[in-house]
Amino acid sequence: MVLLLVASFTFAQEKNVKEAKSIANGVNPDFAKAEELINQALTNPETKDNAETWDVAGLIQEKEVRKKWKMPI
């Protein structure tokens, strides 16, 4: 039972990483929502050491800065 619960929580965090990436790559990205999702994955013991999690976190930050400074994305 506990293993099933842990597996579903891990899956949820992996889903958050994918959703955050999708939001950041969208036409009109909601960076606050993307950051909220990726921060959950960054603090989860099962996904915090995953390279994809950190890659998406960097992508979100880069795109947010580029939009703020009106740089080409």
PDB file of N, CA and C in Angstrom:
ATOM      1  N   MET A   1       0.829  -1.194   0.000  1.00  0.00           N
ATOM      2  CA  MET A   1       0.000   0.000   0.000  1.00  0.00           C
ATOM      3  C   MET A   1       0.874   1.260   0.000  1.00  0.00           C
ATOM      4  N   VAL A   2       1.876   1.287   0.877  1.00  0.00           N
ATOM      5  CA  VAL A   2       2.767   2.446   0.955  1.00  0.00           C
ATOM      6  C   VAL A   2       3.546   2.600  -0.348  1.00  0.00           C
ATOM      7  N   LEU A   3       4.013   1.490  -0.892  1.00  0.00           N
ATOM      8  CA  LEU A   3       4.751   1.537  -2.153  1.00  0.00           C
ATOM      9  C   LEU A   3       3.896   2.117  -3.271  1.00  0.00           C
ATOM     10  N   LEU A   4       2.651   1.755  -3.308  1.00  0.00           N
ATOM     11  CA  LEU A   4       1.728   2.281  -4.309  1.00  0.00           C
ATOM     12  C   LEU A   4       1.549   3.788  -4.139  1.00  0.00           C
ATOM     13  N   LEU A   5       1.454   4.228  -2.905  1.00  0.00           N
ATOM     14  CA  LEU A   5       1.306   5.648  -2.614  1.00  0.00           C
ATOM     15  C   LEU A   5       2.548   6.422  -3.045  1.00  0.00           C
ATOM     16  N   VAL A   6       3.721   5.898  -2.756  1.00  0.00           N
ATOM     17  CA  VAL A   6       4.979   6.543  -3.142  1.00  0.00           C
ATOM     18  C   VAL A   6       5.096   6.588  -4.664  1.00  0.00           C
ATOM     19  N   ALA A   7       4.755   5.500  -5.319  1.00  0.00           N
ATOM     20  CA  ALA A   7       4.831   5.455  -6.783  1.00  0.00           C
ATOM     21  C   ALA A   7       3.896   6.474  -7.414  1.00  0.00           C
ATOM     22  N   SER A   8       2.699   6.618  -6.878  1.00  0.00           N
ATOM     23  CA  SER A   8       1.762   7.585  -7.450  1.00  0.00           C
ATOM     24  C   SER A   8       2.223   9.016  -7.198  1.00  0.00           C
ATOM     25  N   PHE A   9       2.857   9.269  -6.044  1.00  0.00           N
ATOM     26  CA  PHE A   9       3.369  10.603  -5.753  1.00  0.00           C
ATOM     27  C   PHE A   9       4.530  10.942  -6.680  1.00  0.00           C
ATOM     28  N   THR A  10       5.400   9.964  -6.932  1.00  0.00           N
ATOM     29  CA  THR A  10       6.514  10.169  -7.857  1.00  0.00           C
ATOM     30  C   THR A  10       5.990  10.450  -9.256  1.00  0.00           C
ATOM     31  N   PHE A  11       5.000   9.685  -9.685  1.00  0.00           N
ATOM     32  CA  PHE A  11       4.408   9.903 -11.001  1.00  0.00           C
ATOM     33  C   PHE A  11       3.830  11.309 -11.097  1.00  0.00           C
ATOM     34  N   ALA A  12       3.205  11.767 -10.024  1.00  0.00           N
ATOM     35  CA  ALA A  12       2.619  13.109 -10.008  1.00  0.00           C
ATOM     36  C   ALA A  12       3.700  14.167 -10.193  1.00  0.00           C
ATOM     37  N   GLN A  13       4.850  13.971  -9.557  1.00  0.00           N
ATOM     38  CA  GLN A  13       5.931  14.946  -9.683  1.00  0.00           C
ATOM     39  C   GLN A  13       6.537  14.914 -11.084  1.00  0.00           C
ATOM     40  N   GLU A  14       6.660  13.732 -11.667  1.00  0.00           N
ATOM     41  CA  GLU A  14       7.156  13.641 -13.040  1.00  0.00           C
ATOM     42  C   GLU A  14       6.174  14.327 -13.998  1.00  0.00           C
ATOM     43  N   LYS A  15       4.900  14.197 -13.714  1.00  0.00           N
ATOM     44  CA  LYS A  15       3.884  14.882 -14.513  1.00  0.00           C
ATOM     45  C   LYS A  15       4.034  16.394 -14.366  1.00  0.00           C
ATOM     46  N   ASN A  16       4.338  16.864 -13.150  1.00  0.00           N
ATOM     47  CA  ASN A  16       4.551  18.289 -12.924  1.00  0.00           C
ATOM     48  C   ASN A  16       5.715  18.812 -13.757  1.00  0.00           C
ATOM     49  N   VAL A  17       6.784  18.025 -13.869  1.00  0.00           N
ATOM     50  CA  VAL A  17       7.945  18.442 -14.673  1.00  0.00           C
ATOM     51  C   VAL A  17       7.521  18.610 -16.130  1.00  0.00           C
ATOM     52  N   LYS A  18       6.792  17.643 -16.651  1.00  0.00           N
ATOM     53  CA  LYS A  18       6.343  17.715 -18.048  1.00  0.00           C
ATOM     54  C   LYS A  18       5.386  18.876 -18.269  1.00  0.00           C
ATOM     55  N   GLU A  19       4.484  19.095 -17.323  1.00  0.00           N
ATOM     56  CA  GLU A  19       3.527  20.192 -17.460  1.00  0.00           C
ATOM     57  C   GLU A  19       4.224  21.551 -17.365  1.00  0.00           C
ATOM     58  N   ALA A  20       5.179  21.668 -16.460  1.00  0.00           N
ATOM     59  CA  ALA A  20       5.932  22.927 -16.321  1.00  0.00           C
ATOM     60  C   ALA A  20       6.680  23.240 -17.613  1.00  0.00           C
ATOM     61  N   LYS A  21       7.274  22.221 -18.219  1.00  0.00           N
ATOM     62  CA  LYS A  21       7.992  22.413 -19.482  1.00  0.00           C
ATOM     63  C   LYS A  21       7.032  22.843 -20.584  1.00  0.00           C
ATOM     64  N   SER A  22       5.876  22.218 -20.627  1.00  0.00           N
ATOM     65  CA  SER A  22       4.876  22.555 -21.624  1.00  0.00           C
ATOM     66  C   SER A  22       4.400  24.001 -21.460  1.00  0.00           C
ATOM     67  N   ILE A  23       4.176  24.411 -20.229  1.00  0.00           N
ATOM     68  CA  ILE A  23       3.744  25.786 -19.961  1.00  0.00           C
ATOM     69  C   ILE A  23       4.821  26.772 -20.400  1.00  0.00           C
ATOM     70  N   ALA A  24       6.077  26.500 -20.033  1.00  0.00           N
ATOM     71  CA  ALA A  24       7.183  27.402 -20.369  1.00  0.00           C
ATOM     72  C   ALA A  24       7.379  27.525 -21.873  1.00  0.00           C
ATOM     73  N   ASN A  25       7.113  26.454 -22.600  1.00  0.00           N
ATOM     74  CA  ASN A  25       7.278  26.471 -24.055  1.00  0.00           C
ATOM     75  C   ASN A  25       6.034  26.956 -24.785  1.00  0.00           C
ATOM     76  N   GLY A  26       4.997  27.325 -24.054  1.00  0.00           N
ATOM     77  CA  GLY A  26       3.755  27.778 -24.664  1.00  0.00           C
ATOM     78  C   GLY A  26       3.885  29.144 -25.304  1.00  0.00           C
ATOM     79  N   VAL A  27       2.867  29.509 -26.057  1.00  0.00           N
ATOM     80  CA  VAL A  27       2.846  30.794 -26.755  1.00  0.00           C
ATOM     81  C   VAL A  27       2.784  31.955 -25.765  1.00  0.00           C
ATOM     82  N   ASN A  28       1.967  31.832 -24.740  1.00  0.00           N
ATOM     83  CA  ASN A  28       1.836  32.868 -23.717  1.00  0.00           C
ATOM     84  C   ASN A  28       2.048  32.201 -22.351  1.00  0.00           C
ATOM     85  N   PRO A  29       3.308  31.934 -21.988  1.00  0.00           N
ATOM     86  CA  PRO A  29       3.588  31.129 -20.795  1.00  0.00           C
ATOM     87  C   PRO A  29       3.206  31.810 -19.483  1.00  0.00           C
ATOM     88  N   ASP A  30       2.675  31.019 -18.575  1.00  0.00           N
ATOM     89  CA  ASP A  30       2.382  31.458 -17.204  1.00  0.00           C
ATOM     90  C   ASP A  30       3.557  30.980 -16.346  1.00  0.00           C
ATOM     91  N   PHE A  31       4.583  31.825 -16.236  1.00  0.00           N
ATOM     92  CA  PHE A  31       5.802  31.424 -15.543  1.00  0.00           C
ATOM     93  C   PHE A  31       5.568  31.154 -14.064  1.00  0.00           C
ATOM     94  N   ALA A  32       4.637  31.847 -13.447  1.00  0.00           N
ATOM     95  CA  ALA A  32       4.341  31.603 -12.025  1.00  0.00           C
ATOM     96  C   ALA A  32       3.828  30.179 -11.833  1.00  0.00           C
ATOM     97  N   LYS A  33       2.951  29.738 -12.710  1.00  0.00           N
ATOM     98  CA  LYS A  33       2.417  28.371 -12.620  1.00  0.00           C
ATOM     99  C   LYS A  33       3.518  27.346 -12.909  1.00  0.00           C
ATOM    100  N   ALA A  34       4.331  27.618 -13.923  1.00  0.00           N
ATOM    101  CA  ALA A  34       5.426  26.709 -14.273  1.00  0.00           C
ATOM    102  C   ALA A  34       6.413  26.581 -13.112  1.00  0.00           C
ATOM    103  N   GLU A  35       6.731  27.701 -12.473  1.00  0.00           N
ATOM    104  CA  GLU A  35       7.652  27.670 -11.327  1.00  0.00           C
ATOM    105  C   GLU A  35       7.044  26.930 -10.138  1.00  0.00           C
ATOM    106  N   GLU A  36       5.765  27.110  -9.920  1.00  0.00           N
ATOM    107  CA  GLU A  36       5.092  26.399  -8.830  1.00  0.00           C
ATOM    108  C   GLU A  36       5.200  24.885  -9.031  1.00  0.00           C
ATOM    109  N   LEU A  37       4.953  24.446 -10.252  1.00  0.00           N
ATOM    110  CA  LEU A  37       5.011  23.021 -10.553  1.00  0.00           C
ATOM    111  C   LEU A  37       6.432  22.474 -10.430  1.00  0.00           C
ATOM    112  N   ILE A  38       7.397  23.191 -10.982  1.00  0.00           N
ATOM    113  CA  ILE A  38       8.768  22.675 -10.968  1.00  0.00           C
ATOM    114  C   ILE A  38       9.346  22.721  -9.556  1.00  0.00           C
ATOM    115  N   ASN A  39       8.951  23.690  -8.757  1.00  0.00           N
ATOM    116  CA  ASN A  39       9.443  23.751  -7.374  1.00  0.00           C
ATOM    117  C   ASN A  39       8.962  22.560  -6.558  1.00  0.00           C
ATOM    118  N   GLN A  40       7.770  22.074  -6.838  1.00  0.00           N
ATOM    119  CA  GLN A  40       7.290  20.867  -6.158  1.00  0.00           C
ATOM    120  C   GLN A  40       8.179  19.682  -6.501  1.00  0.00           C
ATOM    121  N   ALA A  41       8.558  19.580  -7.759  1.00  0.00           N
ATOM    122  CA  ALA A  41       9.423  18.475  -8.188  1.00  0.00           C
ATOM    123  C   ALA A  41      10.842  18.631  -7.643  1.00  0.00           C
ATOM    124  N   LEU A  42      11.309  19.877  -7.524  1.00  0.00           N
ATOM    125  CA  LEU A  42      12.664  20.117  -7.009  1.00  0.00           C
ATOM    126  C   LEU A  42      12.794  19.799  -5.523  1.00  0.00           C
ATOM    127  N   THR A  43      11.701  19.809  -4.811  1.00  0.00           N
ATOM    128  CA  THR A  43      11.757  19.523  -3.379  1.00  0.00           C
ATOM    129  C   THR A  43      11.330  18.096  -3.056  1.00  0.00           C
ATOM    130  N   ASN A  44      10.912  17.351  -4.050  1.00  0.00           N
ATOM    131  CA  ASN A  44      10.502  15.963  -3.836  1.00  0.00           C
ATOM    132  C   ASN A  44      11.731  15.054  -3.865  1.00  0.00           C
ATOM    133  N   PRO A  45      11.919  14.206  -2.850  1.00  0.00           N
ATOM    134  CA  PRO A  45      13.104  13.334  -2.796  1.00  0.00           C
ATOM    135  C   PRO A  45      13.240  12.404  -4.011  1.00  0.00           C
ATOM    136  N   GLU A  46      12.132  12.054  -4.639  1.00  0.00           N
ATOM    137  CA  GLU A  46      12.178  11.133  -5.772  1.00  0.00           C
ATOM    138  C   GLU A  46      12.574  11.818  -7.086  1.00  0.00           C
ATOM    139  N   THR A  47      12.353  13.116  -7.208  1.00  0.00           N
ATOM    140  CA  THR A  47      12.626  13.798  -8.475  1.00  0.00           C
ATOM    141  C   THR A  47      13.659  14.917  -8.366  1.00  0.00           C
ATOM    142  N   LYS A  48      14.076  15.262  -7.161  1.00  0.00           N
ATOM    143  CA  LYS A  48      14.989  16.405  -6.997  1.00  0.00           C
ATOM    144  C   LYS A  48      16.368  16.173  -7.603  1.00  0.00           C
ATOM    145  N   ASP A  49      16.789  14.916  -7.749  1.00  0.00           N
ATOM    146  CA  ASP A  49      18.100  14.620  -8.324  1.00  0.00           C
ATOM    147  C   ASP A  49      18.030  14.228  -9.793  1.00  0.00           C
ATOM    148  N   ASN A  50      16.858  14.364 -10.380  1.00  0.00           N
ATOM    149  CA  ASN A  50      16.646  14.022 -11.776  1.00  0.00           C
ATOM    150  C   ASN A  50      17.140  15.180 -12.663  1.00  0.00           C
ATOM    151  N   ALA A  51      17.986  14.864 -13.621  1.00  0.00           N
ATOM    152  CA  ALA A  51      18.546  15.893 -14.503  1.00  0.00           C
ATOM    153  C   ALA A  51      17.455  16.646 -15.265  1.00  0.00           C
ATOM    154  N   GLU A  52      16.422  15.946 -15.685  1.00  0.00           N
ATOM    155  CA  GLU A  52      15.323  16.581 -16.430  1.00  0.00           C
ATOM    156  C   GLU A  52      14.625  17.642 -15.572  1.00  0.00           C
ATOM    157  N   THR A  53      14.483  17.372 -14.289  1.00  0.00           N
ATOM    158  CA  THR A  53      13.852  18.337 -13.381  1.00  0.00           C
ATOM    159  C   THR A  53      14.640  19.641 -13.370  1.00  0.00           C
ATOM    160  N   TRP A  54      15.953  19.531 -13.231  1.00  0.00           N
ATOM    161  CA  TRP A  54      16.798  20.728 -13.189  1.00  0.00           C
ATOM    162  C   TRP A  54      16.885  21.409 -14.549  1.00  0.00           C
ATOM    163  N   ASP A  55      16.860  20.639 -15.616  1.00  0.00           N
ATOM    164  CA  ASP A  55      16.871  21.202 -16.958  1.00  0.00           C
ATOM    165  C   ASP A  55      15.631  22.068 -17.183  1.00  0.00           C
ATOM    166  N   VAL A  56      14.487  21.559 -16.780  1.00  0.00           N
ATOM    167  CA  VAL A  56      13.245  22.318 -16.943  1.00  0.00           C
ATOM    168  C   VAL A  56      13.250  23.558 -16.051  1.00  0.00           C
ATOM    169  N   ALA A  57      13.793  23.448 -14.837  1.00  0.00           N
ATOM    170  CA  ALA A  57      13.885  24.620 -13.952  1.00  0.00           C
ATOM    171  C   ALA A  57      14.712  25.721 -14.620  1.00  0.00           C
ATOM    172  N   GLY A  58      15.829  25.343 -15.234  1.00  0.00           N
ATOM    173  CA  GLY A  58      16.665  26.317 -15.940  1.00  0.00           C
ATOM    174  C   GLY A  58      15.972  26.897 -17.155  1.00  0.00           C
ATOM    175  N   LEU A  59      15.251  26.059 -17.874  1.00  0.00           N
ATOM    176  CA  LEU A  59      14.505  26.513 -19.050  1.00  0.00           C
ATOM    177  C   LEU A  59      13.488  27.577 -18.663  1.00  0.00           C
ATOM    178  N   ILE A  60      12.769  27.333 -17.588  1.00  0.00           N
ATOM    179  CA  ILE A  60      11.760  28.290 -17.120  1.00  0.00           C
ATOM    180  C   ILE A  60      12.415  29.622 -16.780  1.00  0.00           C
ATOM    181  N   GLN A  61      13.514  29.576 -16.025  1.00  0.00           N
ATOM    182  CA  GLN A  61      14.202  30.804 -15.643  1.00  0.00           C
ATOM    183  C   GLN A  61      14.723  31.555 -16.865  1.00  0.00           C
ATOM    184  N   GLU A  62      15.330  30.825 -17.798  1.00  0.00           N
ATOM    185  CA  GLU A  62      15.863  31.458 -19.002  1.00  0.00           C
ATOM    186  C   GLU A  62      14.767  32.146 -19.807  1.00  0.00           C
ATOM    187  N   LYS A  63      13.669  31.446 -20.025  1.00  0.00           N
ATOM    188  CA  LYS A  63      12.588  32.023 -20.826  1.00  0.00           C
ATOM    189  C   LYS A  63      11.940  33.215 -20.135  1.00  0.00           C
ATOM    190  N   GLU A  64      11.841  33.147 -18.814  1.00  0.00           N
ATOM    191  CA  GLU A  64      11.264  34.265 -18.073  1.00  0.00           C
ATOM    192  C   GLU A  64      12.148  35.505 -18.194  1.00  0.00           C
ATOM    193  N   VAL A  65      13.448  35.332 -18.065  1.00  0.00           N
ATOM    194  CA  VAL A  65      14.383  36.465 -18.194  1.00  0.00           C
ATOM    195  C   VAL A  65      14.353  37.021 -19.612  1.00  0.00           C
ATOM    196  N   ARG A  66      14.358  36.127 -20.594  1.00  0.00           N
ATOM    197  CA  ARG A  66      14.319  36.593 -21.989  1.00  0.00           C
ATOM    198  C   ARG A  66      13.045  37.391 -22.281  1.00  0.00           C
ATOM    199  N   LYS A  67      11.933  36.946 -21.731  1.00  0.00           N
ATOM    200  CA  LYS A  67      10.681  37.679 -21.947  1.00  0.00           C
ATOM    201  C   LYS A  67      10.729  39.035 -21.232  1.00  0.00           C
ATOM    202  N   LYS A  68      11.243  39.048 -20.012  1.00  0.00           N
ATOM    203  CA  LYS A  68      11.323  40.279 -19.247  1.00  0.00           C
ATOM    204  C   LYS A  68      12.179  41.330 -19.963  1.00  0.00           C
ATOM    205  N   TRP A  69      13.296  40.884 -20.525  1.00  0.00           N
ATOM    206  CA  TRP A  69      14.218  41.809 -21.178  1.00  0.00           C
ATOM    207  C   TRP A  69      13.977  41.908 -22.683  1.00  0.00           C
ATOM    208  N   LYS A  70      12.853  41.322 -23.135  1.00  0.00           N
ATOM    209  CA  LYS A  70      12.437  41.370 -24.541  1.00  0.00           C
ATOM    210  C   LYS A  70      13.529  40.849 -25.477  1.00  0.00           C
ATOM    211  N   MET A  71      14.150  39.759 -25.057  1.00  0.00           N
ATOM    212  CA  MET A  71      15.175  39.103 -25.860  1.00  0.00           C
ATOM    213  C   MET A  71      14.496  38.001 -26.686  1.00  0.00           C
ATOM    214  N   PRO A  72      15.042  37.672 -27.840  1.00  0.00           N
ATOM    215  CA  PRO A  72      14.451  36.591 -28.636  1.00  0.00           C
ATOM    216  C   PRO A  72      14.495  35.266 -27.862  1.00  0.00           C
ATOM    217  N   ILE A  73      13.397  34.541 -27.960  1.00  0.00           N
ATOM    218  CA  ILE A  73      13.329  33.247 -27.261  1.00  0.00           C
ATOM    219  C   ILE A  73      13.695  32.212 -28.196  1.00  0.00           C
TER     220      ILE A  73
END
